[in-house]
Amino acid sequence: MRFKALGAVAAAVGVLALTAAPAGAAQNWQAVTTTSTWHCGAYKTHKVSDHVKFKVCAVLNGSRYGQAVLVVQNAASVAVSIGGAVSSNFDSNVECASSTLNAGFTRGCLAPTQYVGNESILVVAGRLRLNGVDDWYYDTTFYVG
């Protein structure tokens, strides 16, 4: 009887741990370095600050899988609050978690990887929320052979 009760308590604690676990405030922001597999638009200055720039990219691997990325660069002397979204015509879409971007850092919000197949025209758009103000990077088209 004692083992049954202990097992029931352990199971309940496990369920609570899974449901109560935070999503991870900055889980989709990470350090990024662009390479030849990255197809990016030019940096755009956010309307809130001349020192914060952002762009959208499509990353494609040799197996024809790709993902959309929103890249943010903070050249300001202070940390800023960022968030936003990135979407694509190949269903690689994500809401970017609110996070702090320290001065001098570049981070990317990576959407899930999706099969692109023989699609050769990839379209990516993004929205950067900087200190509570949205600015958009409208549809950027990348031809990939």
N, C-alpha and C. Protein backbone atom coordinates (compact mmCIF):
# COMPACT_ATOMS: atom_id res chain seq x y z
N MET A 1 0.82 -1.19 0.00
CA MET A 1 0.00 0.00 0.00
C MET A 1 0.86 1.26 0.00
N ARG A 2 1.93 1.21 0.76
CA ARG A 2 2.83 2.35 0.85
C ARG A 2 3.48 2.65 -0.50
N PHE A 3 3.85 1.60 -1.25
CA PHE A 3 4.46 1.80 -2.56
C PHE A 3 3.47 2.37 -3.57
N LYS A 4 2.19 1.94 -3.48
CA LYS A 4 1.17 2.49 -4.37
C LYS A 4 1.01 3.99 -4.14
N ALA A 5 0.96 4.38 -2.88
CA ALA A 5 0.79 5.80 -2.55
C ALA A 5 2.01 6.59 -3.03
N LEU A 6 3.19 6.05 -2.81
CA LEU A 6 4.41 6.71 -3.24
C LEU A 6 4.44 6.83 -4.77
N GLY A 7 4.01 5.77 -5.46
CA GLY A 7 3.95 5.80 -6.92
C GLY A 7 2.95 6.84 -7.43
N ALA A 8 1.81 6.94 -6.78
CA ALA A 8 0.80 7.93 -7.17
C ALA A 8 1.31 9.34 -6.96
N VAL A 9 1.99 9.57 -5.84
CA VAL A 9 2.55 10.89 -5.57
C VAL A 9 3.63 11.23 -6.60
N ALA A 10 4.49 10.28 -6.90
CA ALA A 10 5.55 10.50 -7.89
C ALA A 10 4.95 10.82 -9.26
N ALA A 11 3.91 10.11 -9.64
CA ALA A 11 3.27 10.36 -10.93
C ALA A 11 2.64 11.76 -10.95
N ALA A 12 2.00 12.14 -9.85
CA ALA A 12 1.37 13.47 -9.79
C ALA A 12 2.43 14.57 -9.86
N VAL A 13 3.53 14.39 -9.16
CA VAL A 13 4.61 15.37 -9.21
C VAL A 13 5.18 15.46 -10.62
N GLY A 14 5.33 14.33 -11.30
CA GLY A 14 5.84 14.33 -12.68
C GLY A 14 4.92 15.08 -13.62
N VAL A 15 3.61 14.88 -13.48
CA VAL A 15 2.64 15.59 -14.32
C VAL A 15 2.69 17.07 -14.04
N LEU A 16 2.75 17.46 -12.76
CA LEU A 16 2.84 18.87 -12.42
C LEU A 16 4.12 19.49 -12.95
N ALA A 17 5.21 18.77 -12.87
CA ALA A 17 6.48 19.30 -13.37
C ALA A 17 6.41 19.55 -14.87
N LEU A 18 5.75 18.67 -15.60
CA LEU A 18 5.63 18.85 -17.05
C LEU A 18 4.72 20.01 -17.40
N THR A 19 3.62 20.15 -16.67
CA THR A 19 2.67 21.20 -17.01
C THR A 19 3.10 22.55 -16.47
N ALA A 20 3.87 22.58 -15.39
CA ALA A 20 4.25 23.84 -14.78
C ALA A 20 5.58 24.37 -15.32
N ALA A 21 6.26 23.59 -16.13
CA ALA A 21 7.57 24.02 -16.63
C ALA A 21 7.41 25.23 -17.55
N PRO A 22 8.20 26.29 -17.33
CA PRO A 22 8.09 27.45 -18.20
C PRO A 22 8.57 27.13 -19.61
N ALA A 23 8.05 27.85 -20.57
CA ALA A 23 8.40 27.62 -21.96
C ALA A 23 9.83 28.04 -22.26
N GLY A 24 10.44 28.77 -21.38
CA GLY A 24 11.80 29.25 -21.63
C GLY A 24 11.71 30.59 -22.33
N ALA A 25 11.87 31.65 -21.60
CA ALA A 25 11.60 33.00 -22.09
C ALA A 25 12.33 33.33 -23.38
N ALA A 26 13.51 32.81 -23.57
CA ALA A 26 14.27 33.17 -24.77
C ALA A 26 14.69 31.94 -25.55
N GLN A 27 13.85 30.93 -25.54
CA GLN A 27 14.24 29.65 -26.11
C GLN A 27 14.53 29.69 -27.60
N ASN A 28 13.93 30.62 -28.36
CA ASN A 28 14.19 30.61 -29.79
C ASN A 28 15.19 31.68 -30.23
N TRP A 29 15.79 32.42 -29.30
CA TRP A 29 16.86 33.37 -29.62
C TRP A 29 18.19 32.69 -29.32
N GLN A 30 19.12 32.79 -30.24
CA GLN A 30 20.44 32.23 -30.00
C GLN A 30 21.49 32.96 -30.83
N ALA A 31 22.73 32.79 -30.44
CA ALA A 31 23.83 33.40 -31.20
C ALA A 31 23.83 32.81 -32.61
N VAL A 32 24.03 33.65 -33.61
CA VAL A 32 24.04 33.18 -34.99
C VAL A 32 25.24 33.75 -35.74
N THR A 33 25.71 32.98 -36.69
CA THR A 33 26.74 33.41 -37.63
C THR A 33 26.28 32.98 -39.00
N THR A 34 26.19 33.93 -39.92
CA THR A 34 25.71 33.58 -41.25
C THR A 34 26.83 32.93 -42.06
N THR A 35 26.44 31.94 -42.87
CA THR A 35 27.37 31.22 -43.74
C THR A 35 26.78 31.19 -45.15
N SER A 36 27.38 30.42 -46.03
CA SER A 36 26.90 30.34 -47.42
C SER A 36 25.52 29.67 -47.53
N THR A 37 25.07 28.99 -46.49
CA THR A 37 23.74 28.38 -46.53
C THR A 37 22.66 29.36 -46.09
N TRP A 38 23.06 30.55 -45.66
CA TRP A 38 22.13 31.58 -45.21
C TRP A 38 21.87 32.54 -46.37
N HIS A 39 20.62 32.77 -46.68
CA HIS A 39 20.20 33.72 -47.71
C HIS A 39 19.46 34.83 -46.97
N CYS A 40 20.10 36.01 -46.87
CA CYS A 40 19.58 37.09 -46.03
C CYS A 40 19.35 38.37 -46.83
N GLY A 41 18.38 39.14 -46.37
CA GLY A 41 18.20 40.48 -46.88
C GLY A 41 19.21 41.39 -46.20
N ALA A 42 19.26 42.63 -46.61
CA ALA A 42 20.16 43.61 -45.98
C ALA A 42 19.60 44.00 -44.61
N TYR A 43 20.48 44.44 -43.72
CA TYR A 43 20.01 44.93 -42.42
C TYR A 43 19.15 46.17 -42.60
N LYS A 44 18.11 46.26 -41.80
CA LYS A 44 17.23 47.42 -41.76
C LYS A 44 17.33 48.03 -40.37
N THR A 45 17.41 49.35 -40.28
CA THR A 45 17.44 50.04 -38.99
C THR A 45 16.03 50.09 -38.42
N HIS A 46 15.88 49.71 -37.16
CA HIS A 46 14.56 49.76 -36.51
C HIS A 46 14.18 51.21 -36.27
N LYS A 47 12.90 51.52 -36.40
CA LYS A 47 12.45 52.90 -36.29
C LYS A 47 12.63 53.50 -34.89
N VAL A 48 12.88 52.67 -33.88
CA VAL A 48 13.07 53.17 -32.52
C VAL A 48 14.51 53.60 -32.26
N SER A 49 15.48 52.96 -32.91
CA SER A 49 16.88 53.24 -32.62
C SER A 49 17.75 53.08 -33.86
N ASP A 50 18.61 54.06 -34.08
CA ASP A 50 19.57 53.97 -35.18
C ASP A 50 20.63 52.91 -34.92
N HIS A 51 20.68 52.37 -33.70
CA HIS A 51 21.73 51.43 -33.33
C HIS A 51 21.27 49.98 -33.28
N VAL A 52 20.00 49.74 -33.58
CA VAL A 52 19.49 48.37 -33.60
C VAL A 52 19.01 48.07 -35.02
N LYS A 53 19.60 47.03 -35.60
CA LYS A 53 19.27 46.64 -36.97
C LYS A 53 18.76 45.21 -36.99
N PHE A 54 17.96 44.91 -38.01
CA PHE A 54 17.44 43.55 -38.12
C PHE A 54 17.27 43.17 -39.59
N LYS A 55 17.24 41.86 -39.81
CA LYS A 55 17.05 41.34 -41.16
C LYS A 55 16.40 39.97 -41.06
N VAL A 56 15.90 39.48 -42.19
CA VAL A 56 15.34 38.14 -42.24
C VAL A 56 16.21 37.28 -43.16
N CYS A 57 16.24 35.99 -42.84
CA CYS A 57 17.06 35.05 -43.61
C CYS A 57 16.29 33.76 -43.82
N ALA A 58 16.67 33.04 -44.86
CA ALA A 58 16.23 31.66 -45.08
C ALA A 58 17.49 30.82 -45.07
N VAL A 59 17.54 29.83 -44.21
CA VAL A 59 18.69 28.93 -44.11
C VAL A 59 18.29 27.62 -44.76
N LEU A 60 19.09 27.16 -45.70
CA LEU A 60 18.76 25.96 -46.46
C LEU A 60 19.93 24.99 -46.41
N ASN A 61 19.64 23.73 -46.09
CA ASN A 61 20.72 22.73 -46.08
C ASN A 61 20.68 21.88 -47.35
N GLY A 62 21.66 21.02 -47.52
CA GLY A 62 21.79 20.19 -48.71
C GLY A 62 20.69 19.16 -48.89
N SER A 63 19.96 18.86 -47.83
CA SER A 63 18.86 17.90 -47.91
C SER A 63 17.53 18.57 -48.23
N ARG A 64 17.58 19.85 -48.57
CA ARG A 64 16.40 20.64 -48.95
C ARG A 64 15.46 20.90 -47.79
N TYR A 65 16.03 21.07 -46.60
CA TYR A 65 15.28 21.53 -45.44
C TYR A 65 15.70 22.96 -45.17
N GLY A 66 14.75 23.78 -44.74
CA GLY A 66 15.06 25.17 -44.50
C GLY A 66 14.36 25.70 -43.27
N GLN A 67 14.82 26.87 -42.83
CA GLN A 67 14.17 27.54 -41.73
C GLN A 67 14.30 29.05 -41.91
N ALA A 68 13.28 29.75 -41.43
CA ALA A 68 13.27 31.20 -41.45
C ALA A 68 13.92 31.71 -40.17
N VAL A 69 14.64 32.84 -40.28
CA VAL A 69 15.33 33.40 -39.13
C VAL A 69 15.17 34.92 -39.13
N LEU A 70 14.90 35.47 -37.96
CA LEU A 70 14.93 36.91 -37.74
C LEU A 70 16.22 37.21 -36.99
N VAL A 71 17.09 38.03 -37.58
CA VAL A 71 18.39 38.33 -36.98
C VAL A 71 18.37 39.78 -36.49
N VAL A 72 18.83 39.99 -35.25
CA VAL A 72 18.85 41.32 -34.64
C VAL A 72 20.26 41.63 -34.15
N GLN A 73 20.71 42.84 -34.45
CA GLN A 73 22.06 43.28 -34.07
C GLN A 73 21.91 44.54 -33.22
N ASN A 74 22.49 44.51 -32.01
CA ASN A 74 22.40 45.66 -31.10
C ASN A 74 23.76 46.36 -31.02
N ALA A 75 23.90 47.48 -31.73
CA ALA A 75 25.12 48.28 -31.68
C ALA A 75 24.98 49.44 -30.70
N ALA A 76 23.89 49.49 -29.94
CA ALA A 76 23.69 50.53 -28.94
C ALA A 76 24.61 50.26 -27.74
N SER A 77 24.72 51.24 -26.87
CA SER A 77 25.57 51.08 -25.69
C SER A 77 24.80 50.54 -24.49
N VAL A 78 23.52 50.24 -24.69
CA VAL A 78 22.67 49.71 -23.62
C VAL A 78 21.92 48.48 -24.11
N ALA A 79 21.47 47.67 -23.17
CA ALA A 79 20.64 46.52 -23.50
C ALA A 79 19.26 46.99 -23.94
N VAL A 80 18.62 46.21 -24.80
CA VAL A 80 17.28 46.51 -25.28
C VAL A 80 16.39 45.29 -25.09
N SER A 81 15.09 45.54 -25.14
CA SER A 81 14.11 44.46 -25.05
C SER A 81 13.65 44.11 -26.46
N ILE A 82 13.72 42.84 -26.81
CA ILE A 82 13.31 42.40 -28.15
C ILE A 82 12.27 41.29 -28.07
N GLY A 83 11.55 41.13 -29.14
CA GLY A 83 10.58 40.06 -29.34
C GLY A 83 10.18 40.15 -30.80
N GLY A 84 9.16 39.43 -31.21
CA GLY A 84 8.71 39.55 -32.59
C GLY A 84 8.20 38.26 -33.18
N ALA A 85 8.40 38.13 -34.49
CA ALA A 85 7.93 36.94 -35.21
C ALA A 85 8.66 36.86 -36.54
N VAL A 86 8.70 35.64 -37.08
CA VAL A 86 9.24 35.43 -38.42
C VAL A 86 8.36 34.38 -39.10
N SER A 87 8.09 34.59 -40.39
CA SER A 87 7.26 33.64 -41.12
C SER A 87 7.78 33.47 -42.54
N SER A 88 7.34 32.40 -43.18
CA SER A 88 7.84 32.08 -44.52
C SER A 88 6.76 31.42 -45.35
N ASN A 89 7.04 31.27 -46.64
CA ASN A 89 6.11 30.58 -47.53
C ASN A 89 6.30 29.06 -47.48
N PHE A 90 7.23 28.58 -46.64
CA PHE A 90 7.44 27.13 -46.52
C PHE A 90 7.13 26.63 -45.11
N ASP A 91 6.22 27.35 -44.43
CA ASP A 91 5.69 26.96 -43.11
C ASP A 91 6.72 26.91 -42.00
N SER A 92 7.78 27.66 -42.11
CA SER A 92 8.75 27.81 -41.03
C SER A 92 8.42 29.14 -40.36
N ASN A 93 7.57 29.08 -39.34
CA ASN A 93 7.03 30.27 -38.69
C ASN A 93 7.17 30.16 -37.18
N VAL A 94 7.39 31.30 -36.50
CA VAL A 94 7.46 31.25 -35.05
C VAL A 94 7.26 32.65 -34.47
N GLU A 95 6.67 32.70 -33.29
CA GLU A 95 6.64 33.91 -32.48
C GLU A 95 7.95 33.92 -31.70
N CYS A 96 8.64 35.02 -31.72
CA CYS A 96 9.93 35.14 -31.03
C CYS A 96 9.69 35.64 -29.61
N ALA A 97 10.18 34.92 -28.65
CA ALA A 97 9.97 35.23 -27.25
C ALA A 97 10.56 36.59 -26.88
N SER A 98 9.96 37.24 -25.89
CA SER A 98 10.54 38.47 -25.36
C SER A 98 11.85 38.14 -24.67
N SER A 99 12.84 38.98 -24.88
CA SER A 99 14.16 38.71 -24.33
C SER A 99 14.94 40.02 -24.23
N THR A 100 16.02 39.98 -23.49
CA THR A 100 16.94 41.12 -23.42
C THR A 100 18.08 40.86 -24.37
N LEU A 101 18.41 41.87 -25.18
CA LEU A 101 19.56 41.77 -26.08
C LEU A 101 20.60 42.78 -25.60
N ASN A 102 21.70 42.28 -25.10
CA ASN A 102 22.75 43.13 -24.55
C ASN A 102 23.47 43.90 -25.64
N ALA A 103 24.07 45.00 -25.25
CA ALA A 103 24.83 45.84 -26.17
C ALA A 103 25.94 45.03 -26.83
N GLY A 104 26.09 45.20 -28.14
CA GLY A 104 27.15 44.53 -28.87
C GLY A 104 26.85 43.11 -29.31
N PHE A 105 25.65 42.62 -29.02
CA PHE A 105 25.32 41.24 -29.35
C PHE A 105 24.45 41.15 -30.60
N THR A 106 24.55 40.02 -31.29
CA THR A 106 23.68 39.67 -32.42
C THR A 106 23.01 38.35 -32.08
N ARG A 107 21.70 38.27 -32.25
CA ARG A 107 20.96 37.05 -31.97
C ARG A 107 19.98 36.79 -33.10
N GLY A 108 19.64 35.52 -33.26
CA GLY A 108 18.66 35.12 -34.26
C GLY A 108 17.52 34.37 -33.60
N CYS A 109 16.32 34.63 -34.08
CA CYS A 109 15.14 33.89 -33.66
C CYS A 109 14.87 32.88 -34.77
N LEU A 110 15.06 31.62 -34.46
CA LEU A 110 14.96 30.57 -35.47
C LEU A 110 13.61 29.87 -35.44
N ALA A 111 12.96 29.87 -36.57
CA ALA A 111 11.71 29.14 -36.72
C ALA A 111 12.03 27.66 -36.93
N PRO A 112 11.05 26.78 -36.78
CA PRO A 112 11.30 25.35 -36.98
C PRO A 112 11.77 25.03 -38.41
N THR A 113 12.57 24.00 -38.53
CA THR A 113 13.04 23.53 -39.83
C THR A 113 11.91 22.79 -40.53
N GLN A 114 11.74 23.09 -41.81
CA GLN A 114 10.69 22.46 -42.60
C GLN A 114 11.27 21.97 -43.92
N TYR A 115 10.64 20.95 -44.47
CA TYR A 115 11.06 20.44 -45.77
C TYR A 115 10.67 21.45 -46.85
N VAL A 116 11.63 21.85 -47.67
CA VAL A 116 11.41 22.82 -48.72
C VAL A 116 11.20 22.11 -50.05
N GLY A 117 11.85 20.98 -50.22
CA GLY A 117 11.74 20.23 -51.46
C GLY A 117 12.40 20.96 -52.61
N ASN A 118 11.77 20.95 -53.76
CA ASN A 118 12.34 21.60 -54.94
C ASN A 118 11.95 23.07 -55.04
N GLU A 119 11.30 23.59 -54.02
CA GLU A 119 10.94 25.01 -54.00
C GLU A 119 12.20 25.84 -54.17
N SER A 120 12.21 26.73 -55.11
CA SER A 120 13.42 27.51 -55.34
C SER A 120 13.24 28.98 -55.03
N ILE A 121 12.01 29.41 -54.76
CA ILE A 121 11.77 30.79 -54.36
C ILE A 121 11.23 30.76 -52.93
N LEU A 122 12.04 31.26 -52.01
CA LEU A 122 11.66 31.27 -50.61
C LEU A 122 11.34 32.70 -50.21
N VAL A 123 10.24 32.88 -49.51
CA VAL A 123 9.82 34.20 -49.07
C VAL A 123 9.78 34.22 -47.55
N VAL A 124 10.44 35.22 -46.95
CA VAL A 124 10.50 35.34 -45.50
C VAL A 124 10.13 36.78 -45.12
N ALA A 125 9.38 36.93 -44.04
CA ALA A 125 9.03 38.24 -43.49
C ALA A 125 9.22 38.20 -41.98
N GLY A 126 9.46 39.35 -41.39
CA GLY A 126 9.67 39.39 -39.95
C GLY A 126 9.12 40.64 -39.31
N ARG A 127 8.92 40.54 -38.01
CA ARG A 127 8.50 41.68 -37.20
C ARG A 127 9.39 41.71 -35.96
N LEU A 128 10.02 42.85 -35.72
CA LEU A 128 10.84 43.02 -34.53
C LEU A 128 10.16 43.99 -33.59
N ARG A 129 9.91 43.54 -32.37
CA ARG A 129 9.39 44.41 -31.31
C ARG A 129 10.60 44.85 -30.49
N LEU A 130 10.91 46.13 -30.58
CA LEU A 130 12.05 46.71 -29.87
C LEU A 130 11.52 47.68 -28.83
N ASN A 131 11.80 47.37 -27.56
CA ASN A 131 11.32 48.20 -26.46
C ASN A 131 9.83 48.52 -26.59
N GLY A 132 9.06 47.51 -27.03
CA GLY A 132 7.60 47.63 -27.11
C GLY A 132 7.05 48.19 -28.41
N VAL A 133 7.92 48.54 -29.36
CA VAL A 133 7.48 49.12 -30.63
C VAL A 133 7.79 48.16 -31.78
N ASP A 134 6.78 47.85 -32.59
CA ASP A 134 6.94 46.94 -33.72
C ASP A 134 7.45 47.66 -34.96
N ASP A 135 8.28 46.96 -35.71
CA ASP A 135 8.71 47.39 -37.04
C ASP A 135 8.77 46.12 -37.89
N TRP A 136 8.45 46.24 -39.17
CA TRP A 136 8.33 45.07 -40.03
C TRP A 136 9.42 45.02 -41.08
N TYR A 137 9.83 43.81 -41.39
CA TYR A 137 10.72 43.53 -42.51
C TYR A 137 9.84 42.76 -43.47
N TYR A 138 9.35 43.45 -44.51
CA TYR A 138 8.36 42.85 -45.38
C TYR A 138 8.95 41.74 -46.25
N ASP A 139 8.08 41.02 -46.90
CA ASP A 139 8.44 39.85 -47.68
C ASP A 139 9.73 40.06 -48.46
N THR A 140 10.68 39.20 -48.16
CA THR A 140 11.96 39.21 -48.84
C THR A 140 12.07 37.89 -49.58
N THR A 141 12.33 37.95 -50.86
CA THR A 141 12.35 36.76 -51.71
C THR A 141 13.79 36.35 -51.99
N PHE A 142 14.04 35.06 -51.82
CA PHE A 142 15.36 34.49 -52.07
C PHE A 142 15.21 33.39 -53.12
N TYR A 143 16.01 33.46 -54.17
CA TYR A 143 16.05 32.36 -55.14
C TYR A 143 17.20 31.47 -54.74
N VAL A 144 16.92 30.19 -54.56
CA VAL A 144 17.97 29.22 -54.24
C VAL A 144 17.90 28.09 -55.24
N GLY A 145 19.02 27.79 -55.85
CA GLY A 145 19.07 26.77 -56.89
C GLY A 145 19.23 25.39 -56.38
